[in-house]
């Protein structure tokens, strides 16, 4: 469905899909995948950085569906067919190694970590948690220890929570 909808004019896919399915559990992932397919240039089937793979998996809920849709789109739109098998295999291996092939990345650092560092509960934690998750997606840390160290710097005012 995302492959079909990505060729439609932006905004038209939602009304088309709601006439077909009208189920948020199907509609939301298809719309996210459609948007992501539109944002990747046709010639972008050469490489993806780890941060790109994590962000795509976060936006679409899992990377494997995006990869299949990208391969289909390439075969559909390109004269020379789908991306080479070695490219697809390497991207799949990378997304599996990152733990996002069949699931979205989950935040490593949670509110409880910030509370442990002396922050008080409240809405002011959300920008810090969002910033830490963005840093996680970018690959600035990949475990709890590194995340807590960055959280400590964020709580201490050494990092901008909105950067």
C-alpha atoms as a PDB file:
ATOM      1  CA  UNK A   1       0.000   0.000   0.000  1.00  0.00           C
ATOM      2  CA  UNK A   2       2.825   2.421   0.806  1.00  0.00           C
ATOM      3  CA  UNK A   3       4.449   1.745  -2.552  1.00  0.00           C
ATOM      4  CA  UNK A   4       1.178   2.482  -4.320  1.00  0.00           C
ATOM      5  CA  UNK A   5       0.539   5.610  -2.247  1.00  0.00           C
ATOM      6  CA  UNK A   6       4.029   7.091  -2.500  1.00  0.00           C
ATOM      7  CA  UNK A   7       3.343   7.897  -6.167  1.00  0.00           C
ATOM      8  CA  UNK A   8       0.161   9.808  -5.276  1.00  0.00           C
ATOM      9  CA  UNK A   9       0.074  13.508  -4.640  1.00  0.00           C
ATOM     10  CA  UNK A  10       0.928  14.283  -1.004  1.00  0.00           C
ATOM     11  CA  UNK A  11      -2.253  14.347   1.065  1.00  0.00           C
ATOM     12  CA  UNK A  12      -4.295  12.208  -1.326  1.00  0.00           C
ATOM     13  CA  UNK A  13      -3.113   8.913   0.118  1.00  0.00           C
ATOM     14  CA  UNK A  14      -4.874   9.309   3.452  1.00  0.00           C
ATOM     15  CA  UNK A  15      -8.338   9.766   1.964  1.00  0.00           C
ATOM     16  CA  UNK A  16      -7.661   6.916  -0.482  1.00  0.00           C
ATOM     17  CA  UNK A  17      -6.524   4.585   2.299  1.00  0.00           C
ATOM     18  CA  UNK A  18      -9.357   5.447   4.687  1.00  0.00           C
ATOM     19  CA  UNK A  19     -11.845   4.410   1.993  1.00  0.00           C
ATOM     20  CA  UNK A  20     -10.032   1.079   1.709  1.00  0.00           C
ATOM     21  CA  UNK A  21      -9.216   0.169   5.280  1.00  0.00           C
ATOM     22  CA  UNK A  22     -10.110   2.844   7.849  1.00  0.00           C
ATOM     23  CA  UNK A  23      -8.123   1.071  10.557  1.00  0.00           C
ATOM     24  CA  UNK A  24      -5.554   3.119  12.457  1.00  0.00           C
ATOM     25  CA  UNK A  25      -3.485   0.016  13.155  1.00  0.00           C
ATOM     26  CA  UNK A  26      -2.939  -0.361   9.397  1.00  0.00           C
ATOM     27  CA  UNK A  27      -3.357   3.230   8.255  1.00  0.00           C
ATOM     28  CA  UNK A  28      -0.734   4.847  10.506  1.00  0.00           C
ATOM     29  CA  UNK A  29       2.157   2.522   9.565  1.00  0.00           C
ATOM     30  CA  UNK A  30       1.298   2.750   5.856  1.00  0.00           C
ATOM     31  CA  UNK A  31       1.239   6.560   5.997  1.00  0.00           C
ATOM     32  CA  UNK A  32       4.574   6.625   7.858  1.00  0.00           C
ATOM     33  CA  UNK A  33       6.129   4.263   5.329  1.00  0.00           C
ATOM     34  CA  UNK A  34       4.699   6.288   2.435  1.00  0.00           C
ATOM     35  CA  UNK A  35       6.177   9.491   3.839  1.00  0.00           C
ATOM     36  CA  UNK A  36       9.540   7.834   4.352  1.00  0.00           C
ATOM     37  CA  UNK A  37       9.593   6.442   0.795  1.00  0.00           C
ATOM     38  CA  UNK A  38       8.887   9.925  -0.548  1.00  0.00           C
ATOM     39  CA  UNK A  39      11.749  11.395   1.460  1.00  0.00           C
ATOM     40  CA  UNK A  40      14.369   9.020   0.036  1.00  0.00           C
ATOM     41  CA  UNK A  41      15.631  10.042  -3.415  1.00  0.00           C
ATOM     42  CA  UNK A  42      15.412   7.375  -6.121  1.00  0.00           C
ATOM     43  CA  UNK A  43      19.186   7.197  -6.351  1.00  0.00           C
ATOM     44  CA  UNK A  44      19.604   6.723  -2.576  1.00  0.00           C
ATOM     45  CA  UNK A  45      19.839   2.971  -2.893  1.00  0.00           C
ATOM     46  CA  UNK A  46      23.607   3.040  -2.576  1.00  0.00           C
ATOM     47  CA  UNK A  47      24.166   3.321   1.161  1.00  0.00           C
ATOM     48  CA  UNK A  48      22.571   4.215   4.456  1.00  0.00           C
ATOM     49  CA  UNK A  49      24.390   5.354   7.577  1.00  0.00           C
ATOM     50  CA  UNK A  50      23.528   3.623  10.847  1.00  0.00           C
ATOM     51  CA  UNK A  51      21.770   6.785  12.027  1.00  0.00           C
ATOM     52  CA  UNK A  52      19.618   6.740   8.863  1.00  0.00           C
ATOM     53  CA  UNK A  53      18.644   3.124   9.491  1.00  0.00           C
ATOM     54  CA  UNK A  54      17.724   3.867  13.119  1.00  0.00           C
ATOM     55  CA  UNK A  55      15.687   6.962  12.184  1.00  0.00           C
ATOM     56  CA  UNK A  56      13.823   5.137   9.414  1.00  0.00           C
ATOM     57  CA  UNK A  57      13.029   2.239  11.760  1.00  0.00           C
ATOM     58  CA  UNK A  58      11.799   4.700  14.391  1.00  0.00           C
ATOM     59  CA  UNK A  59       9.594   6.581  11.917  1.00  0.00           C
ATOM     60  CA  UNK A  60       8.159   3.482  10.252  1.00  0.00           C
ATOM     61  CA  UNK A  61       8.079   1.127  13.238  1.00  0.00           C
ATOM     62  CA  UNK A  62      10.539  -1.350  11.726  1.00  0.00           C
ATOM     63  CA  UNK A  63      13.185  -1.321   9.006  1.00  0.00           C
ATOM     64  CA  UNK A  64      12.357  -4.547   7.137  1.00  0.00           C
ATOM     65  CA  UNK A  65       9.136  -3.177   5.653  1.00  0.00           C
ATOM     66  CA  UNK A  66      10.914  -0.055   4.483  1.00  0.00           C
ATOM     67  CA  UNK A  67      13.681  -2.125   2.867  1.00  0.00           C
ATOM     68  CA  UNK A  68      11.180  -4.314   0.997  1.00  0.00           C
ATOM     69  CA  UNK A  69       9.257  -1.249  -0.175  1.00  0.00           C
ATOM     70  CA  UNK A  70      12.485   0.447  -1.266  1.00  0.00           C
ATOM     71  CA  UNK A  71      13.522  -2.595  -3.306  1.00  0.00           C
ATOM     72  CA  UNK A  72      10.081  -2.754  -4.937  1.00  0.00           C
ATOM     73  CA  UNK A  73      10.119   0.988  -5.646  1.00  0.00           C
ATOM     74  CA  UNK A  74      13.555   0.726  -7.227  1.00  0.00           C
ATOM     75  CA  UNK A  75      12.459  -2.157  -9.421  1.00  0.00           C
ATOM     76  CA  UNK A  76       9.300  -0.304 -10.382  1.00  0.00           C
ATOM     77  CA  UNK A  77      10.884   3.084 -11.133  1.00  0.00           C
ATOM     78  CA  UNK A  78      14.354   2.257 -12.426  1.00  0.00           C
ATOM     79  CA  UNK A  79      15.257   1.016 -15.865  1.00  0.00           C
ATOM     80  CA  UNK A  80      17.913  -1.294 -14.492  1.00  0.00           C
ATOM     81  CA  UNK A  81      15.681  -2.942 -11.892  1.00  0.00           C
ATOM     82  CA  UNK A  82      16.103  -3.459  -8.166  1.00  0.00           C
ATOM     83  CA  UNK A  83      19.230  -2.606  -6.191  1.00  0.00           C
ATOM     84  CA  UNK A  84      21.963  -5.249  -6.261  1.00  0.00           C
ATOM     85  CA  UNK A  85      21.436  -8.179  -3.928  1.00  0.00           C
ATOM     86  CA  UNK A  86      24.664  -7.421  -2.046  1.00  0.00           C
ATOM     87  CA  UNK A  87      23.352  -3.941  -1.192  1.00  0.00           C
ATOM     88  CA  UNK A  88      20.066  -5.320   0.119  1.00  0.00           C
ATOM     89  CA  UNK A  89      21.864  -8.034   2.103  1.00  0.00           C
ATOM     90  CA  UNK A  90      24.335  -5.578   3.630  1.00  0.00           C
ATOM     91  CA  UNK A  91      21.589  -3.135   4.654  1.00  0.00           C
ATOM     92  CA  UNK A  92      19.550  -5.989   6.114  1.00  0.00           C
ATOM     93  CA  UNK A  93      22.551  -7.252   8.082  1.00  0.00           C
ATOM     94  CA  UNK A  94      23.243  -3.745   9.354  1.00  0.00           C
ATOM     95  CA  UNK A  95      19.636  -3.180  10.485  1.00  0.00           C
ATOM     96  CA  UNK A  96      19.644  -6.586  12.197  1.00  0.00           C
ATOM     97  CA  UNK A  97      22.917  -5.744  13.977  1.00  0.00           C
ATOM     98  CA  UNK A  98      21.402  -2.447  15.123  1.00  0.00           C
ATOM     99  CA  UNK A  99      18.369  -4.330  16.446  1.00  0.00           C
ATOM    100  CA  UNK A 100      15.858  -2.396  14.335  1.00  0.00           C
ATOM    101  CA  UNK A 101      15.148  -4.780  11.464  1.00  0.00           C
ATOM    102  CA  UNK A 102      11.815  -6.028  12.840  1.00  0.00           C
ATOM    103  CA  UNK A 103      11.137  -3.463  15.556  1.00  0.00           C
ATOM    104  CA  UNK A 104      11.468   0.239  16.199  1.00  0.00           C
ATOM    105  CA  UNK A 105      14.308   1.430  18.403  1.00  0.00           C
ATOM    106  CA  UNK A 106      13.296   2.035  21.990  1.00  0.00           C
ATOM    107  CA  UNK A 107      14.769   4.747  24.197  1.00  0.00           C
ATOM    108  CA  UNK A 108      17.560   3.502  26.424  1.00  0.00           C
ATOM    109  CA  UNK A 109      17.389   6.453  28.812  1.00  0.00           C
ATOM    110  CA  UNK A 110      14.085   6.907  30.585  1.00  0.00           C
ATOM    111  CA  UNK A 111      12.675   9.367  33.098  1.00  0.00           C
ATOM    112  CA  UNK A 112      13.841   7.156  35.956  1.00  0.00           C
ATOM    113  CA  UNK A 113      17.434   7.711  34.860  1.00  0.00           C
ATOM    114  CA  UNK A 114      16.999  11.481  35.019  1.00  0.00           C
ATOM    115  CA  UNK A 115      15.360  11.179  38.436  1.00  0.00           C
ATOM    116  CA  UNK A 116      18.299   9.070  39.562  1.00  0.00           C
ATOM    117  CA  UNK A 117      20.561  11.963  38.513  1.00  0.00           C
ATOM    118  CA  UNK A 118      18.692  14.369  40.775  1.00  0.00           C
ATOM    119  CA  UNK A 119      16.039  15.816  38.461  1.00  0.00           C
ATOM    120  CA  UNK A 120      12.581  16.353  39.892  1.00  0.00           C
ATOM    121  CA  UNK A 121       9.554  14.802  38.168  1.00  0.00           C
ATOM    122  CA  UNK A 122       7.751  17.064  35.734  1.00  0.00           C
ATOM    123  CA  UNK A 123       7.138  18.117  32.162  1.00  0.00           C
ATOM    124  CA  UNK A 124      10.589  19.669  31.926  1.00  0.00           C
ATOM    125  CA  UNK A 125      11.998  16.142  31.520  1.00  0.00           C
ATOM    126  CA  UNK A 126      10.374  15.615  28.094  1.00  0.00           C
ATOM    127  CA  UNK A 127      12.776  17.865  26.107  1.00  0.00           C
ATOM    128  CA  UNK A 128      15.731  16.177  27.810  1.00  0.00           C
ATOM    129  CA  UNK A 129      14.403  12.704  27.051  1.00  0.00           C
ATOM    130  CA  UNK A 130      13.667  13.688  23.454  1.00  0.00           C
ATOM    131  CA  UNK A 131      17.195  15.071  23.074  1.00  0.00           C
ATOM    132  CA  UNK A 132      18.716  11.914  24.539  1.00  0.00           C
ATOM    133  CA  UNK A 133      16.665   9.702  22.232  1.00  0.00           C
ATOM    134  CA  UNK A 134      17.742  11.788  19.226  1.00  0.00           C
ATOM    135  CA  UNK A 135      21.350  11.358  20.353  1.00  0.00           C
ATOM    136  CA  UNK A 136      20.756   7.614  20.652  1.00  0.00           C
ATOM    137  CA  UNK A 137      19.360   7.467  17.106  1.00  0.00           C
ATOM    138  CA  UNK A 138      22.394   9.373  15.867  1.00  0.00           C
ATOM    139  CA  UNK A 139      24.618   6.743  17.471  1.00  0.00           C
ATOM    140  CA  UNK A 140      26.149   8.982  20.126  1.00  0.00           C
ATOM    141  CA  UNK A 141      25.570   6.157  22.605  1.00  0.00           C
ATOM    142  CA  UNK A 142      24.271   2.627  22.343  1.00  0.00           C
ATOM    143  CA  UNK A 143      24.096   1.453  25.923  1.00  0.00           C
ATOM    144  CA  UNK A 144      22.813   2.541  29.281  1.00  0.00           C
ATOM    145  CA  UNK A 145      26.227   3.564  30.619  1.00  0.00           C
ATOM    146  CA  UNK A 146      26.961   5.948  27.730  1.00  0.00           C
ATOM    147  CA  UNK A 147      23.420   7.280  27.834  1.00  0.00           C
ATOM    148  CA  UNK A 148      23.613   7.997  31.550  1.00  0.00           C
ATOM    149  CA  UNK A 149      26.867   9.883  31.046  1.00  0.00           C
ATOM    150  CA  UNK A 150      25.240  12.080  28.374  1.00  0.00           C
ATOM    151  CA  UNK A 151      22.167  12.477  30.602  1.00  0.00           C
ATOM    152  CA  UNK A 152      24.444  13.602  33.433  1.00  0.00           C
ATOM    153  CA  UNK A 153      25.944  16.271  31.130  1.00  0.00           C
ATOM    154  CA  UNK A 154      22.463  17.299  30.007  1.00  0.00           C
ATOM    155  CA  UNK A 155      21.164  17.587  33.575  1.00  0.00           C
ATOM    156  CA  UNK A 156      24.268  19.529  34.527  1.00  0.00           C
ATOM    157  CA  UNK A 157      23.611  22.067  31.770  1.00  0.00           C
ATOM    158  CA  UNK A 158      26.593  21.016  29.659  1.00  0.00           C
ATOM    159  CA  UNK A 159      24.335  20.036  26.739  1.00  0.00           C
ATOM    160  CA  UNK A 160      21.469  21.980  25.203  1.00  0.00           C
ATOM    161  CA  UNK A 161      18.232  19.972  25.721  1.00  0.00           C
ATOM    162  CA  UNK A 162      16.737  21.395  22.507  1.00  0.00           C
ATOM    163  CA  UNK A 163      19.745  21.077  20.169  1.00  0.00           C
END
